[in-house]
Every structure is written in C-alpha cells, then in structure tokens.
Amino acid sequence: MHQKMTIRIKNWKLTFLALLFFALFTSLGLWQLSRAKQKELLLATYAEQTKRAPLTAHDLNKANDWRFYRASLRGTFDNKQTFLLDNKTFYGQIGYEVYTLFYAQGLAQPILIDRGFIPMDSDRTKLPSIKEINGIITLTGMLNLPPTYVAFGKINDSTTLTWPLRIEFIDLKAIAKLASNPEGKIEEIYPYILMITAHHPAAYPIEWKMLVMSPERHRGYALQWFALALTLLILWVALNRR
C-alpha cells in the first residue's frame, strides 16, 4: 500500500515568509502578463494609426487621441529655443535628444519637435551646436506623447537661460514657462510631440523604438516569476511533508 503524504507545518515563521513570497512571485507574473497584453494592444493601435493619411494642423486643433497618427505640418522652427534632453544614448554614444519648438501654420499652439540624437562633447560644459533650419518648411512625422520619467528636482538647474538649453526631463508646462515668443511668454505647448522622419534635413540620427520591451519579453519574465513561485511551493512541501 502507498503511504499517504501528509503536511505538518514545522516552522510557522518560514511558512509565513514562503506564503508571502509565493504571493509576490505570482503577482509579479500576472503583472507581466498584463503588461504583455497592454503592449500587444499598443502595437495594434500603432499599426492601425500609421496606415492613415497624415493629419493637418486643422485636424490637430480638434480634441482627440492623436498618438501614433502621422502628421504633416508647414511652418517655421524657433531656432533660438532648442532643448537638449540629457542622459540619452545611441549605439553606445552618450548625448542628448534634440527638441525644437515649431510654429505650424494653422496650429493654435507651438509644437515640440523631436529631431533625434546628438552626441555629447567630452567636456560636459560645452553644449553642441544645433543646425538651424530657416524659412517656411514642411515637417512630417509621427505624433506621440512626451516621454514620461520619474522626475526629481528641477527640469533645468542653470540659474540663467543659455541656448540650447539642457533639460533633465520633458515637462511641457515647465518648457512653456522657459520658452517665449515675440509676443511674450508661451501660454501652452501642444500636448503631443512630433517625432520627425529620419530623412528630413532637420533630423539628427534617429532610430525610433516603439517599445522598450516587447510582449514576448514580458511573457518570458512572467514565466520566470511563475517558475520561482512553483519552486518555492515545491520546497515548502518537501520541508513540511511527513
């Protein structure tokens, strides 16, 4: 006859810790699966929106979720007010993401243009020279939300404004306070940024990445968390079986 396995808890403190970590590992696995689903929906939205014809300034004046839509705008760069987003990398190089204000004809607010990456000088006190694009031009690109960060401190630590201006994160309200136009202070910046197409003369080296982490990678992490939870359960049973 087979002996029936019974469980006898030998150490309640270890059991409590095991239960706590089992719940934690399981929750992290479920969270990773949820993130994978969100990323899949994001990719589907991106694929759908980029098939549409480019929007115009008239379209953008309407309230809507314009993320991942393409847009074509005609207007002028404000060459005197470029922002350098700090701590960016591009194929191992350290540098800045270049953002310049653009006044599009027919658009109620100026829009921030993401122009790509520029490397940092070996002397951090020397800021790179930004090429000026003069006259009325046409820009095409993809609309996106500003990059999000866990921000600490000020957007800019300088006591005086020197252009181009190095910033630590993107905050459109803070940027509006730092920027100005011939009529005075800018009240508001358009809530989406335009990620310029790579072939445009105003663009710097660009490799737009839709996602930092793919759905498959999230699912891989979920599997690891579930495996840890299962291993912990097996160990607990082995230690407490009679």
Protein backbone atom coordinates (compact mmCIF):
# COMPACT_ATOMS: atom_id res chain seq x y z
CA MET A 1 0.00 0.00 0.00
CA HIS A 2 1.10 3.53 -0.73
CA GLN A 3 1.70 5.68 2.30
CA LYS A 4 -0.48 8.77 2.28
CA MET A 5 1.50 12.02 2.27
CA THR A 6 0.59 14.48 4.99
CA ILE A 7 1.77 18.02 5.61
CA ARG A 8 2.85 19.20 9.02
CA ILE A 9 3.96 22.79 9.38
CA LYS A 10 7.25 22.72 11.24
CA ASN A 11 8.07 26.42 11.26
CA TRP A 12 5.29 28.99 11.12
CA LYS A 13 7.66 31.92 10.51
CA LEU A 14 9.18 30.25 7.46
CA THR A 15 5.70 29.26 6.29
CA PHE A 16 4.56 32.87 6.54
CA LEU A 17 7.60 34.04 4.57
CA ALA A 18 7.04 31.33 1.98
CA LEU A 19 3.40 32.35 1.60
CA LEU A 20 4.39 36.00 1.32
CA PHE A 21 6.96 35.37 -1.42
CA PHE A 22 4.69 32.90 -3.22
CA ALA A 23 2.02 35.60 -3.42
CA LEU A 24 4.63 38.17 -4.51
CA PHE A 25 6.09 35.99 -7.29
CA THR A 26 2.61 35.05 -8.53
CA SER A 27 1.51 38.70 -8.55
CA LEU A 28 4.62 39.74 -10.47
CA GLY A 29 3.96 37.02 -13.03
CA LEU A 30 0.37 38.16 -13.50
CA TRP A 31 1.53 41.77 -13.77
CA GLN A 32 4.00 40.84 -16.52
CA LEU A 33 1.21 39.06 -18.43
CA SER A 34 -0.93 42.18 -18.07
CA ARG A 35 1.92 44.32 -19.41
CA ALA A 36 2.31 41.94 -22.36
CA LYS A 37 -1.38 42.38 -23.19
CA GLN A 38 -1.06 46.18 -22.94
CA LYS A 39 1.94 46.14 -25.28
CA GLU A 40 0.04 43.99 -27.80
CA LEU A 41 -2.83 46.49 -27.79
CA LEU A 42 -0.33 49.35 -28.18
CA LEU A 43 1.30 47.66 -31.18
CA ALA A 44 -2.10 47.03 -32.76
CA THR A 45 -3.04 50.70 -32.28
CA TYR A 46 0.27 51.80 -33.75
CA ALA A 47 -0.17 49.57 -36.81
CA GLU A 48 -3.69 50.89 -37.37
CA GLN A 49 -2.93 54.60 -36.93
CA THR A 50 0.19 54.68 -39.10
CA LYS A 51 -1.84 53.40 -42.08
CA ARG A 52 -3.94 56.57 -42.09
CA ALA A 53 -3.23 59.64 -44.20
CA PRO A 54 -1.14 62.32 -42.42
CA LEU A 55 -3.11 64.79 -40.33
CA THR A 56 -3.02 68.54 -40.92
CA ALA A 57 -2.82 71.41 -38.44
CA HIS A 58 -6.58 71.84 -38.84
CA ASP A 59 -7.09 68.25 -37.70
CA LEU A 60 -4.80 68.67 -34.71
CA ASN A 61 -6.80 71.61 -33.37
CA LYS A 62 -9.59 69.13 -32.64
CA ALA A 63 -9.53 67.33 -29.29
CA ASN A 64 -8.72 63.67 -29.87
CA ASP A 65 -6.24 60.93 -29.02
CA TRP A 66 -3.69 61.54 -31.78
CA ARG A 67 -0.98 59.19 -30.51
CA PHE A 68 0.77 57.28 -33.33
CA TYR A 69 -1.02 59.23 -36.05
CA ARG A 70 1.17 60.66 -38.78
CA ALA A 71 1.07 64.42 -39.34
CA SER A 72 2.32 66.87 -41.93
CA LEU A 73 2.84 70.45 -40.75
CA ARG A 74 4.04 73.57 -42.53
CA GLY A 75 5.67 76.36 -40.57
CA THR A 76 8.92 77.60 -39.03
CA PHE A 77 11.38 76.40 -36.42
CA ASP A 78 12.24 78.62 -33.48
CA ASN A 79 15.99 78.12 -33.94
CA LYS A 80 16.77 80.18 -30.84
CA GLN A 81 14.94 77.83 -28.49
CA THR A 82 16.15 74.25 -28.65
CA PHE A 83 16.07 71.89 -25.69
CA LEU A 84 18.62 69.11 -25.12
CA LEU A 85 17.21 66.17 -23.17
CA ASP A 86 20.11 64.86 -21.09
CA ASN A 87 21.34 61.30 -20.49
CA LYS A 88 20.40 59.72 -23.82
CA THR A 89 22.36 57.02 -25.63
CA PHE A 90 22.60 55.98 -29.27
CA TYR A 91 24.63 52.89 -30.21
CA GLY A 92 26.87 53.30 -27.18
CA GLN A 93 27.32 57.06 -27.52
CA ILE A 94 26.19 59.35 -24.72
CA GLY A 95 24.45 62.55 -25.64
CA TYR A 96 21.16 64.40 -25.95
CA GLU A 97 17.77 64.12 -27.63
CA VAL A 98 17.19 67.35 -29.57
CA TYR A 99 13.82 69.11 -29.23
CA THR A 100 12.98 72.37 -31.01
CA LEU A 101 9.80 74.42 -30.92
CA PHE A 102 7.94 74.63 -34.22
CA TYR A 103 5.26 77.16 -35.18
CA ALA A 104 2.95 75.35 -37.60
CA GLN A 105 0.60 77.36 -39.77
CA GLY A 106 -2.95 76.90 -38.54
CA LEU A 107 -2.00 75.19 -35.26
CA ALA A 108 -3.17 77.02 -32.15
CA GLN A 109 -0.03 76.25 -30.09
CA PRO A 110 3.63 75.70 -30.88
CA ILE A 111 4.59 72.02 -31.04
CA LEU A 112 7.77 70.39 -29.80
CA ILE A 113 9.69 68.52 -32.50
CA ASP A 114 11.85 65.53 -31.57
CA ARG A 115 14.73 65.78 -34.04
CA GLY A 116 16.84 62.83 -32.88
CA PHE A 117 20.18 62.27 -31.15
CA ILE A 118 23.32 64.39 -30.93
CA PRO A 119 26.46 63.20 -29.10
CA MET A 120 27.85 64.96 -26.05
CA ASP A 121 31.23 66.70 -26.07
CA SER A 122 33.96 65.20 -23.88
CA ASP A 123 33.74 68.48 -21.95
CA ARG A 124 30.25 68.44 -20.47
CA THR A 125 30.27 72.21 -20.06
CA LYS A 126 30.32 72.59 -23.86
CA LEU A 127 26.92 72.16 -25.43
CA PRO A 128 26.64 71.04 -29.06
CA SER A 129 25.87 73.47 -31.84
CA ILE A 130 22.42 72.84 -33.32
CA LYS A 131 21.91 73.29 -37.05
CA GLU A 132 19.40 75.98 -37.91
CA ILE A 133 16.58 75.38 -40.35
CA ASN A 134 15.36 78.71 -41.67
CA GLY A 135 12.28 79.74 -43.57
CA ILE A 136 8.93 78.04 -44.00
CA ILE A 137 9.30 74.27 -44.26
CA THR A 138 7.14 71.16 -44.21
CA LEU A 139 7.66 68.58 -41.48
CA THR A 140 6.28 65.07 -41.46
CA GLY A 141 6.46 62.59 -38.64
CA MET A 142 4.55 60.64 -36.03
CA LEU A 143 2.70 62.15 -33.09
CA ASN A 144 3.46 60.73 -29.69
CA LEU A 145 3.03 61.57 -26.03
CA PRO A 146 6.04 63.20 -24.35
CA PRO A 147 8.39 60.67 -22.73
CA THR A 148 7.50 60.01 -19.11
CA TYR A 149 10.01 59.92 -16.27
CA VAL A 150 10.17 59.62 -12.53
CA ALA A 151 11.41 63.17 -12.20
CA PHE A 152 13.34 64.54 -9.25
CA GLY A 153 14.47 68.13 -8.90
CA LYS A 154 14.13 70.87 -11.48
CA ILE A 155 13.82 70.48 -15.22
CA ASN A 156 16.90 72.69 -15.55
CA ASP A 157 19.46 73.54 -12.86
CA SER A 158 21.00 76.58 -14.56
CA THR A 159 20.50 79.95 -12.92
CA THR A 160 20.46 81.65 -16.35
CA LEU A 161 18.90 80.54 -19.62
CA THR A 162 21.53 79.75 -22.25
CA TRP A 163 20.51 78.17 -25.53
CA PRO A 164 20.42 75.39 -26.46
CA LEU A 165 19.05 74.57 -23.00
CA ARG A 166 19.94 71.31 -21.30
CA ILE A 167 16.96 69.74 -19.52
CA GLU A 168 16.61 66.63 -17.37
CA PHE A 169 13.10 65.58 -18.43
CA ILE A 170 10.22 66.63 -20.67
CA ASP A 171 7.52 68.65 -18.95
CA LEU A 172 5.52 70.70 -21.45
CA LYS A 173 4.18 73.12 -18.83
CA ALA A 174 7.69 73.77 -17.49
CA ILE A 175 9.04 74.15 -21.04
CA ALA A 176 6.32 76.68 -21.83
CA LYS A 177 7.48 78.76 -18.85
CA LEU A 178 11.10 78.60 -20.03
CA ALA A 179 10.30 79.46 -23.64
CA SER A 180 8.99 82.68 -25.15
CA ASN A 181 7.86 84.12 -28.47
CA PRO A 182 7.96 87.63 -29.99
CA GLU A 183 4.67 88.46 -28.26
CA GLY A 184 5.93 87.31 -24.85
CA LYS A 185 5.58 84.12 -22.86
CA ILE A 186 4.10 81.00 -24.37
CA GLU A 187 0.88 80.08 -22.63
CA GLU A 188 0.71 76.47 -23.76
CA ILE A 189 2.56 73.92 -25.89
CA TYR A 190 0.71 71.37 -27.98
CA PRO A 191 0.20 68.23 -25.83
CA TYR A 192 1.81 65.85 -28.35
CA ILE A 193 5.33 65.90 -29.74
CA LEU A 194 6.11 65.26 -33.40
CA MET A 195 8.81 62.65 -33.97
CA ILE A 196 10.35 63.82 -37.21
CA THR A 197 11.04 61.45 -40.11
CA ALA A 198 14.66 60.35 -40.35
CA HIS A 199 15.34 61.66 -43.86
CA HIS A 200 14.41 65.30 -43.15
CA PRO A 201 17.26 67.89 -43.25
CA ALA A 202 16.35 68.97 -39.70
CA ALA A 203 16.76 65.44 -38.34
CA TYR A 204 19.71 64.05 -36.46
CA PRO A 205 20.45 60.29 -36.26
CA ILE A 206 17.16 58.61 -35.41
CA GLU A 207 16.04 55.12 -34.57
CA TRP A 208 12.55 55.38 -33.20
CA LYS A 209 11.67 52.45 -30.93
CA MET A 210 8.01 51.87 -30.40
CA LEU A 211 8.58 49.72 -27.31
CA VAL A 212 11.47 49.34 -24.93
CA MET A 213 10.25 45.84 -24.06
CA SER A 214 8.29 43.53 -26.38
CA PRO A 215 5.22 41.49 -25.33
CA GLU A 216 7.28 38.31 -25.76
CA ARG A 217 9.84 39.56 -23.26
CA HIS A 218 7.13 40.35 -20.74
CA ARG A 219 5.78 36.83 -21.13
CA GLY A 220 9.29 35.46 -20.63
CA TYR A 221 9.61 37.39 -17.36
CA ALA A 222 6.15 36.14 -16.31
CA LEU A 223 7.29 32.57 -16.86
CA GLN A 224 10.34 33.17 -14.66
CA TRP A 225 8.20 34.57 -11.83
CA PHE A 226 5.76 31.66 -12.03
CA ALA A 227 8.69 29.21 -12.04
CA LEU A 228 10.05 30.83 -8.87
CA ALA A 229 6.61 30.56 -7.22
CA LEU A 230 6.37 26.87 -8.20
CA THR A 231 9.90 26.16 -6.96
CA LEU A 232 9.11 27.82 -3.65
CA LEU A 233 5.93 25.74 -3.31
CA ILE A 234 7.80 22.50 -4.03
CA LEU A 235 10.50 23.35 -1.48
CA TRP A 236 7.90 24.17 1.18
CA VAL A 237 6.07 20.89 0.59
CA ALA A 238 9.36 18.96 0.72
CA LEU A 239 10.34 20.57 4.02
CA ASN A 240 6.95 20.04 5.64
CA ARG A 241 5.91 16.61 4.41
CA ARG A 242 5.78 13.64 6.74
